[in-house]
Protein backbone atom coordinates (compact mmCIF):
# COMPACT_ATOMS: atom_id res chain seq x y z
CA MET A 1 66.18 107.10 112.55
CA GLU A 2 68.22 109.38 114.76
CA THR A 3 69.32 106.36 116.79
CA ILE A 4 70.76 104.73 113.67
CA ILE A 5 72.56 107.92 112.64
CA THR A 6 73.98 108.29 116.13
CA LEU A 7 75.13 104.67 116.08
CA LEU A 8 76.95 105.22 112.79
CA GLN A 9 78.58 108.47 113.89
CA ASP A 10 79.60 107.34 117.37
CA ASN A 11 81.07 103.98 116.36
CA PRO A 12 83.88 104.20 113.79
CA TRP A 13 84.27 100.40 113.93
CA PHE A 14 80.93 100.08 112.14
CA GLN A 15 82.41 101.64 109.01
CA VAL A 16 85.35 99.25 109.17
CA VAL A 17 83.04 96.24 109.50
CA ALA A 18 80.91 97.47 106.59
CA ALA A 19 84.03 97.95 104.46
CA VAL A 20 85.27 94.42 105.27
CA VAL A 21 81.90 92.92 104.34
CA ALA A 22 81.78 94.91 101.10
CA LEU A 23 85.33 93.92 100.13
CA ALA A 24 84.74 90.25 100.94
CA SER A 25 81.51 90.32 98.93
CA ALA A 26 83.31 91.76 95.93
CA VAL A 27 86.13 89.19 96.16
CA ALA A 28 83.64 86.32 96.51
CA ALA A 29 81.65 87.57 93.53
CA ILE A 30 84.58 87.84 91.13
CA THR A 31 86.51 84.70 92.05
CA PRO A 32 85.52 81.21 90.93
CA THR A 33 84.77 78.65 93.61
CA PRO A 34 87.90 76.53 94.14
CA LYS A 35 87.90 72.74 94.31
CA GLU A 36 87.11 71.27 97.72
CA GLY A 37 89.98 70.18 99.92
CA SER A 38 92.50 72.75 98.73
CA PHE A 39 93.96 75.61 100.73
CA LEU A 40 92.12 78.06 98.49
CA ALA A 41 88.82 76.35 99.33
CA LYS A 42 89.46 76.95 103.03
CA LEU A 43 90.36 80.57 102.37
CA TYR A 44 87.26 80.95 100.22
CA LYS A 45 85.10 79.72 103.11
CA VAL A 46 86.55 82.44 105.32
CA ILE A 47 85.85 85.04 102.62
CA ASP A 48 82.29 83.73 102.25
CA LEU A 49 81.79 84.02 105.99
CA ALA A 50 83.16 87.58 106.04
CA ALA A 51 80.91 88.46 103.10
CA ILE A 52 77.90 87.01 104.93
CA ASN A 53 77.31 84.61 102.02
CA VAL A 54 75.21 81.96 103.68
CA GLY A 55 72.43 79.66 102.55
CA LYS A 56 71.35 80.17 98.96
CA ALA A 57 73.65 83.17 98.54
CA LYS A 58 76.70 80.88 98.43
CA GLN A 59 78.29 79.69 95.22
CA THR A 60 78.71 75.94 95.25
CA GLY A 61 80.97 75.64 92.23
CA LYS A 62 78.56 73.14 90.70
CA THR A 63 76.63 73.70 87.50
CA ASP A 64 73.10 72.51 86.80
CA GLY A 65 74.43 69.43 85.01
CA ASP A 66 76.63 68.24 87.91
CA THR A 67 75.34 65.25 89.81
CA LYS A 68 77.89 65.21 92.63
């Protein structure tokens, strides 16, 4: 446990990385998934990556009734 505390105290970049992930997660959670192929879709992929939204955590923009 002391190793983790030391890591957090000695590396200020860790707090910056955690803040970026938290902000990206919040943005990804409150914004709707844009249509594929648009500039916003590309930006959304970057935000998803920064938020560590991978696998089943990602929003696809499709509802249960969509077949595509």
